[in-house]
Amino acid sequence: MVAVLASALFAFAAGTTPDSSKVETPPDTSKAAIAPGSSFHITHNHVFTLLGVLITHHGLRNSETLHNWPFFSIGAPALSSTTKLQKDFSKLLTVTGDANASLTPVNVGATLGTDLQLIHLLEAGVKGSVSSAWNYGRTSTFMGVYDPEERTFDQDIFMTEAAFSITYKAGLSIPLMMFLPKSDWTKIILKVGVSRETSTYTGASDGEPWKAGTDTRVNGDRGELSGTLMYILPFERLYMAMVTVKASRFMHEYEFDKIYWEYDPKFLMVGVTPTVMFKMMENWNGMVMAPIMRERKFNKRRYESNEELMLKRVGAEWHLNAVMCMVNYVF
């Protein structure tokens, strides 16, 4: 149960929530330093987030006390601060850079990235990040290395270890509205992207599974393909709907130790996330997301969460584990 909430918080911290940066949105309330006639822009943005999660019955299946409940809700706050630099060299070429720091009840992290954009449609960039997490007792492990003999994660103390990652990415935005009849109802944009992330945990050796969040990883590379269909709505309060599809997997099966071969490390993770974005009032906006995930199906239906790596995958199944709502205050 806590893991579902934490996964949403880590998505917020890592900046992996749906991206609407290249479409029409409500007026920007961030603090910008722009000289008249200048092609160089600096923008500062601080966001306080209230996150609410409605966990479904399937998402509760491994909870000791709530596995018979039809659903359960939980919430948490988060805080982030972003500085973005943008330099327009011409109408065709733009270079951006951004720095972000985030704080949630389960982790603290920072990212630094840069992008090269051509006519604001084709982009390529690189992003680096570092994070450390808190642990809350033996049943809420968010940072540590897996011990297959004990079937649990050895809990590392906050800030004694850290996860580092570097991501290379490229993307293309296709304004489908250019090929459709001009109307307030035909503002549609398609974004496709590809990325490769290299992750390292300071406390893990190669082949050892680890956590610095909710995802189980190993030192090595993971590739991802994504596509997002954005529909700009002609409403002031409900201004956008989108569907994001992502597929990711570890680049090489051998990156896991051979002891975990039945877990199927090369399993292809797929997610389909419908999202609705809304604006409540000045400086207040939010989104509702319902991620539907393709997950491993194991030979046991119910199990302790820390036992998952030692189970045998017998297939795949699709599930909606939670519905998430984020409300943001920008200042």
Protein backbone atom coordinates (compact mmCIF):
# COMPACT_ATOMS: atom_id res chain seq x y z
CA MET A 1 0.00 0.00 0.00
CA VAL A 2 2.71 2.46 0.99
CA ALA A 3 4.66 1.44 -2.12
CA VAL A 4 1.86 2.65 -4.41
CA LEU A 5 1.90 6.09 -2.80
CA ALA A 6 5.68 6.17 -2.81
CA SER A 7 5.86 5.29 -6.50
CA ALA A 8 3.73 8.34 -7.25
CA LEU A 9 5.95 10.51 -5.07
CA PHE A 10 9.07 9.26 -6.83
CA ALA A 11 7.47 9.94 -10.19
CA PHE A 12 6.84 13.49 -9.00
CA ALA A 13 10.40 13.81 -7.71
CA ALA A 14 11.93 12.44 -10.89
CA GLY A 15 9.82 14.63 -13.11
CA THR A 16 8.16 11.70 -14.87
CA THR A 17 4.62 12.90 -14.58
CA PRO A 18 2.93 13.76 -17.90
CA ASP A 19 4.69 16.56 -19.72
CA SER A 20 2.63 19.46 -21.08
CA SER A 21 5.51 21.86 -21.60
CA LYS A 22 4.92 22.39 -25.30
CA VAL A 23 1.20 23.00 -25.37
CA GLU A 24 -1.13 25.78 -24.40
CA THR A 25 -1.65 25.87 -20.64
CA PRO A 26 -3.03 28.38 -18.15
CA PRO A 27 -0.96 31.53 -17.63
CA ASP A 28 2.51 30.86 -16.23
CA THR A 29 2.84 32.01 -12.63
CA SER A 30 6.56 31.29 -12.35
CA LYS A 31 9.06 34.04 -11.69
CA ALA A 32 10.98 34.93 -14.85
CA ALA A 33 13.91 37.23 -15.51
CA ILE A 34 13.64 38.38 -19.12
CA ALA A 35 15.38 41.43 -20.49
CA PRO A 36 13.39 43.39 -23.12
CA GLY A 37 14.21 42.03 -26.56
CA SER A 38 16.48 39.37 -25.10
CA SER A 39 16.69 35.80 -26.39
CA PHE A 40 17.88 34.54 -23.00
CA HIS A 41 15.31 33.59 -20.37
CA ILE A 42 15.63 32.45 -16.75
CA THR A 43 12.56 31.01 -15.03
CA HIS A 44 12.17 30.03 -11.38
CA ASN A 45 9.34 27.77 -10.30
CA HIS A 46 8.41 26.49 -6.83
CA VAL A 47 5.63 23.92 -6.50
CA PHE A 48 3.89 22.59 -3.40
CA THR A 49 2.01 19.39 -4.22
CA LEU A 50 -0.75 17.55 -2.40
CA LEU A 51 -0.95 13.99 -3.67
CA GLY A 52 -3.97 11.76 -3.10
CA VAL A 53 -4.01 8.09 -4.07
CA LEU A 54 -7.01 5.76 -4.29
CA ILE A 55 -5.58 2.22 -4.11
CA THR A 56 -7.67 -0.51 -5.73
CA HIS A 57 -8.34 -3.99 -4.35
CA HIS A 58 -5.59 -5.43 -6.54
CA GLY A 59 -3.13 -2.84 -5.26
CA LEU A 60 -3.90 -4.00 -1.70
CA ARG A 61 -3.49 -7.72 -2.38
CA ASN A 62 -0.16 -8.02 -0.51
CA SER A 63 -1.12 -5.84 2.45
CA GLU A 64 -1.21 -7.77 5.74
CA THR A 65 -4.20 -5.84 7.11
CA LEU A 66 -6.02 -4.44 4.06
CA HIS A 67 -5.92 -7.27 1.50
CA ASN A 68 -9.68 -7.86 1.89
CA TRP A 69 -10.62 -4.20 1.47
CA PRO A 70 -12.19 -3.09 -1.86
CA PHE A 71 -10.08 0.09 -1.89
CA PHE A 72 -8.14 2.43 0.37
CA SER A 73 -7.08 6.08 0.10
CA ILE A 74 -3.94 7.82 1.33
CA GLY A 75 -2.27 11.20 0.79
CA ALA A 76 1.02 13.04 1.21
CA PRO A 77 2.65 16.43 0.48
CA ALA A 78 5.70 17.14 -1.67
CA LEU A 79 7.81 20.17 -2.56
CA SER A 80 9.97 20.97 -5.57
CA SER A 81 11.93 23.91 -6.93
CA THR A 82 13.06 24.34 -10.54
CA THR A 83 15.26 26.84 -12.34
CA LYS A 84 15.16 26.79 -16.14
CA LEU A 85 17.43 28.62 -18.57
CA GLN A 86 16.54 29.07 -22.23
CA LYS A 87 18.60 30.58 -25.04
CA ASP A 88 17.10 31.13 -28.49
CA PHE A 89 19.88 31.24 -31.08
CA SER A 90 17.38 31.56 -33.92
CA LYS A 91 13.82 30.58 -34.77
CA LEU A 92 15.18 27.12 -35.52
CA LEU A 93 17.53 26.43 -32.63
CA THR A 94 16.94 26.63 -28.86
CA VAL A 95 19.08 25.37 -25.99
CA THR A 96 17.56 24.85 -22.55
CA GLY A 97 18.94 23.84 -19.19
CA ASP A 98 17.16 23.08 -15.94
CA ALA A 99 17.97 22.25 -12.34
CA ASN A 100 15.45 20.70 -9.97
CA ALA A 101 15.42 19.81 -6.28
CA SER A 102 12.58 17.87 -4.64
CA LEU A 103 11.55 16.75 -1.18
CA THR A 104 8.90 14.13 -0.38
CA PRO A 105 8.09 12.05 2.72
CA VAL A 106 10.12 9.17 1.27
CA ASN A 107 13.09 10.78 -0.48
CA VAL A 108 15.13 13.84 -1.41
CA GLY A 109 16.62 14.26 -4.87
CA ALA A 110 18.11 16.62 -7.43
CA THR A 111 18.32 16.60 -11.22
CA LEU A 112 20.30 18.62 -13.76
CA GLY A 113 19.64 18.49 -17.49
CA THR A 114 20.01 20.19 -20.85
CA ASP A 115 18.14 19.92 -24.16
CA LEU A 116 18.78 20.99 -27.74
CA GLN A 117 15.60 21.82 -29.66
CA LEU A 118 15.11 22.26 -33.40
CA ILE A 119 12.05 24.35 -34.35
CA HIS A 120 10.64 23.33 -30.94
CA LEU A 121 9.58 19.99 -32.42
CA LEU A 122 12.69 17.82 -32.44
CA GLU A 123 14.78 17.63 -29.28
CA ALA A 124 17.69 15.70 -27.82
CA GLY A 125 19.15 15.98 -24.36
CA VAL A 126 20.80 14.48 -21.33
CA LYS A 127 19.75 14.47 -17.67
CA GLY A 128 21.60 13.47 -14.51
CA SER A 129 20.04 12.81 -11.12
CA VAL A 130 20.95 11.80 -7.58
CA SER A 131 18.63 10.72 -4.76
CA SER A 132 18.55 9.18 -1.31
CA ALA A 133 15.57 7.74 0.55
CA TRP A 134 14.18 7.09 4.00
CA ASN A 135 13.11 3.72 5.38
CA TYR A 136 10.11 3.30 7.69
CA GLY A 137 10.48 -0.01 9.48
CA ARG A 138 11.04 -3.45 7.97
CA THR A 139 7.82 -3.37 5.96
CA SER A 140 8.47 -0.01 4.26
CA THR A 141 11.87 -0.29 2.62
CA PHE A 142 12.68 2.39 0.06
CA MET A 143 16.48 2.15 0.00
CA GLY A 144 18.77 -0.84 0.27
CA VAL A 145 20.31 -3.90 -1.41
CA TYR A 146 18.40 -7.18 -1.68
CA ASP A 147 19.53 -10.17 0.38
CA PRO A 148 18.27 -13.37 -1.34
CA GLU A 149 18.96 -15.54 1.69
CA GLU A 150 16.90 -13.40 4.06
CA ARG A 151 14.45 -12.48 1.28
CA THR A 152 14.47 -8.86 2.29
CA PHE A 153 16.26 -5.60 1.56
CA ASP A 154 19.12 -4.60 3.84
CA GLN A 155 18.01 -1.15 4.90
CA ASP A 156 20.58 1.58 4.32
CA ILE A 157 20.48 4.72 6.43
CA PHE A 158 19.42 7.93 4.69
CA MET A 159 22.33 9.77 3.04
CA THR A 160 24.78 6.91 3.71
CA GLU A 161 24.12 5.60 0.18
CA ALA A 162 22.71 7.20 -2.95
CA ALA A 163 21.42 6.36 -6.42
CA PHE A 164 22.90 8.09 -9.45
CA SER A 165 21.53 8.01 -12.97
CA ILE A 166 22.20 9.61 -16.32
CA THR A 167 19.58 9.59 -19.08
CA TYR A 168 20.08 10.21 -22.78
CA LYS A 169 16.86 11.07 -24.57
CA ALA A 170 15.40 12.20 -27.88
CA GLY A 171 11.88 13.20 -28.81
CA LEU A 172 9.66 14.45 -31.60
CA SER A 173 6.48 16.53 -31.30
CA ILE A 174 3.98 16.28 -34.15
CA PRO A 175 1.26 18.98 -34.14
CA LEU A 176 -1.59 16.97 -35.65
CA MET A 177 -3.71 20.13 -35.58
CA MET A 178 -1.83 21.25 -38.71
CA PHE A 179 -3.43 18.38 -40.65
CA LEU A 180 -6.92 18.78 -39.20
CA PRO A 181 -9.65 21.36 -39.82
CA LYS A 182 -8.93 24.45 -37.74
CA SER A 183 -11.17 24.38 -34.68
CA ASP A 184 -11.12 24.69 -30.91
CA TRP A 185 -11.83 20.95 -30.88
CA THR A 186 -8.93 19.82 -33.08
CA LYS A 187 -5.91 20.97 -31.05
CA ILE A 188 -4.11 17.64 -30.87
CA ILE A 189 -0.39 16.98 -30.45
CA LEU A 190 1.49 13.68 -30.62
CA LYS A 191 4.83 13.27 -28.82
CA VAL A 192 7.10 10.27 -29.24
CA GLY A 193 10.35 9.67 -27.41
CA VAL A 194 13.17 7.25 -26.75
CA SER A 195 15.60 7.20 -23.82
CA ARG A 196 18.38 5.15 -22.30
CA GLU A 197 19.10 5.42 -18.58
CA THR A 198 22.23 4.22 -16.80
CA SER A 199 21.72 3.76 -13.05
CA THR A 200 24.18 3.06 -10.24
CA TYR A 201 23.64 2.53 -6.52
CA THR A 202 26.66 3.20 -4.34
CA GLY A 203 25.93 0.28 -2.03
CA ALA A 204 25.38 -2.42 -4.68
CA SER A 205 27.70 -4.63 -6.70
CA ASP A 206 26.93 -5.52 -10.31
CA GLY A 207 24.05 -8.01 -10.51
CA GLU A 208 22.65 -7.14 -7.07
CA PRO A 209 19.07 -5.80 -7.08
CA TRP A 210 18.56 -2.58 -5.12
CA LYS A 211 16.02 0.08 -4.30
CA ALA A 212 16.32 3.82 -4.03
CA GLY A 213 12.61 4.40 -4.38
CA THR A 214 10.03 1.76 -5.28
CA ASP A 215 11.48 0.35 -8.50
CA THR A 216 13.76 -2.64 -8.17
CA ARG A 217 16.88 -2.01 -10.26
CA VAL A 218 20.42 -3.17 -10.88
CA ASN A 219 23.53 -1.25 -11.87
CA GLY A 220 23.24 -0.92 -15.63
CA ASP A 221 21.11 0.37 -18.50
CA ARG A 222 17.39 0.48 -19.10
CA GLY A 223 15.72 1.57 -22.35
CA GLU A 224 12.32 3.18 -22.79
CA LEU A 225 9.99 4.04 -25.67
CA SER A 226 7.10 6.43 -25.08
CA GLY A 227 4.27 8.14 -26.87
CA THR A 228 1.82 10.78 -25.64
CA LEU A 229 -1.34 11.98 -27.38
CA MET A 230 -2.32 15.42 -26.04
CA TYR A 231 -5.78 16.90 -26.57
CA ILE A 232 -6.12 20.58 -25.67
CA LEU A 233 -9.69 21.15 -24.53
CA PRO A 234 -11.59 24.42 -25.14
CA PHE A 235 -12.44 24.83 -21.46
CA GLU A 236 -10.94 27.21 -18.92
CA ARG A 237 -10.93 24.81 -15.98
CA LEU A 238 -10.56 21.44 -17.68
CA TYR A 239 -7.92 22.36 -20.21
CA MET A 240 -6.20 19.14 -21.32
CA ALA A 241 -6.60 15.38 -21.65
CA MET A 242 -3.85 13.00 -22.66
CA VAL A 243 -2.91 9.35 -22.93
CA THR A 244 0.70 8.23 -22.40
CA VAL A 245 2.06 4.82 -23.38
CA LYS A 246 5.49 3.70 -22.13
CA ALA A 247 7.43 0.48 -22.63
CA SER A 248 10.71 -0.17 -20.80
CA ARG A 249 13.08 -3.03 -20.00
CA PHE A 250 16.61 -3.70 -18.84
CA MET A 251 18.95 -3.66 -21.82
CA HIS A 252 20.65 -6.96 -20.94
CA GLU A 253 19.25 -9.96 -19.08
CA TYR A 254 22.62 -10.70 -17.47
CA GLU A 255 22.51 -7.47 -15.47
CA PHE A 256 20.69 -9.47 -12.77
CA ASP A 257 22.52 -12.21 -10.94
CA LYS A 258 21.67 -15.70 -12.27
CA ILE A 259 19.88 -16.50 -9.00
CA TYR A 260 16.94 -14.35 -10.16
CA TRP A 261 16.41 -15.94 -13.60
CA GLU A 262 12.92 -17.24 -12.70
CA TYR A 263 11.86 -13.67 -11.89
CA ASP A 264 12.55 -12.88 -15.59
CA PRO A 265 14.68 -9.69 -15.43
CA LYS A 266 14.19 -9.06 -19.18
CA PHE A 267 10.40 -8.70 -18.74
CA LEU A 268 8.96 -5.83 -20.80
CA MET A 269 7.14 -3.33 -18.58
CA VAL A 270 4.29 -1.48 -20.33
CA GLY A 271 2.09 1.28 -18.94
CA VAL A 272 -0.93 3.14 -20.33
CA THR A 273 -1.81 6.29 -18.39
CA PRO A 274 -4.91 8.39 -19.16
CA THR A 275 -4.58 11.86 -17.62
CA VAL A 276 -6.85 14.87 -17.20
CA MET A 277 -5.38 18.27 -16.27
CA PHE A 278 -7.40 21.00 -14.60
CA LYS A 279 -7.08 24.52 -13.17
CA MET A 280 -8.93 25.49 -10.01
CA MET A 281 -7.86 29.11 -9.45
CA GLU A 282 -4.87 31.41 -9.80
CA ASN A 283 -1.68 29.48 -8.95
CA TRP A 284 -3.65 26.27 -8.29
CA ASN A 285 -3.80 23.45 -10.85
CA GLY A 286 -3.71 19.69 -10.89
CA MET A 287 -4.13 16.39 -12.69
CA VAL A 288 -5.84 13.03 -12.29
CA MET A 289 -4.04 9.90 -13.55
CA ALA A 290 -5.09 6.26 -13.83
CA PRO A 291 -2.01 4.18 -14.79
CA ILE A 292 -2.82 0.73 -16.18
CA MET A 293 0.26 -1.49 -15.98
CA ARG A 294 1.43 -4.72 -17.60
CA GLU A 295 2.96 -6.64 -14.70
CA ARG A 296 4.58 -9.99 -14.05
CA LYS A 297 2.20 -12.81 -13.14
CA PHE A 298 3.79 -15.13 -10.59
CA ASN A 299 3.14 -18.69 -9.47
CA LYS A 300 1.74 -17.24 -6.21
CA ARG A 301 -1.07 -14.69 -6.13
CA ARG A 302 -0.40 -13.42 -2.61
CA TYR A 303 3.09 -12.95 -1.23
CA GLU A 304 5.15 -10.62 0.90
CA SER A 305 6.41 -7.73 -1.22
CA ASN A 306 10.04 -8.49 -0.36
CA GLU A 307 9.63 -12.05 -1.71
CA GLU A 308 8.81 -10.91 -5.25
CA LEU A 309 12.36 -11.27 -6.62
CA MET A 310 12.45 -14.95 -5.60
CA LEU A 311 9.17 -15.89 -7.31
CA LYS A 312 8.71 -17.53 -10.70
CA ARG A 313 7.05 -15.56 -13.48
CA VAL A 314 4.40 -17.64 -15.25
CA GLY A 315 2.87 -14.95 -17.46
CA ALA A 316 1.76 -11.33 -17.62
CA GLU A 317 -1.35 -9.45 -16.57
CA TRP A 318 -2.79 -5.94 -16.78
CA HIS A 319 -3.98 -4.12 -13.69
CA LEU A 320 -5.08 -0.73 -12.41
CA ASN A 321 -3.45 -0.53 -8.97
CA ALA A 322 -4.30 3.07 -8.13
CA VAL A 323 -5.88 6.32 -9.26
CA MET A 324 -3.79 9.38 -8.40
CA CYS A 325 -4.69 13.04 -8.05
CA MET A 326 -2.06 15.79 -7.78
CA VAL A 327 -2.98 19.33 -6.77
CA ASN A 328 -0.20 21.88 -7.25
CA TYR A 329 0.29 25.34 -5.82
CA VAL A 330 2.83 27.33 -7.85
CA PHE A 331 4.63 30.18 -6.11
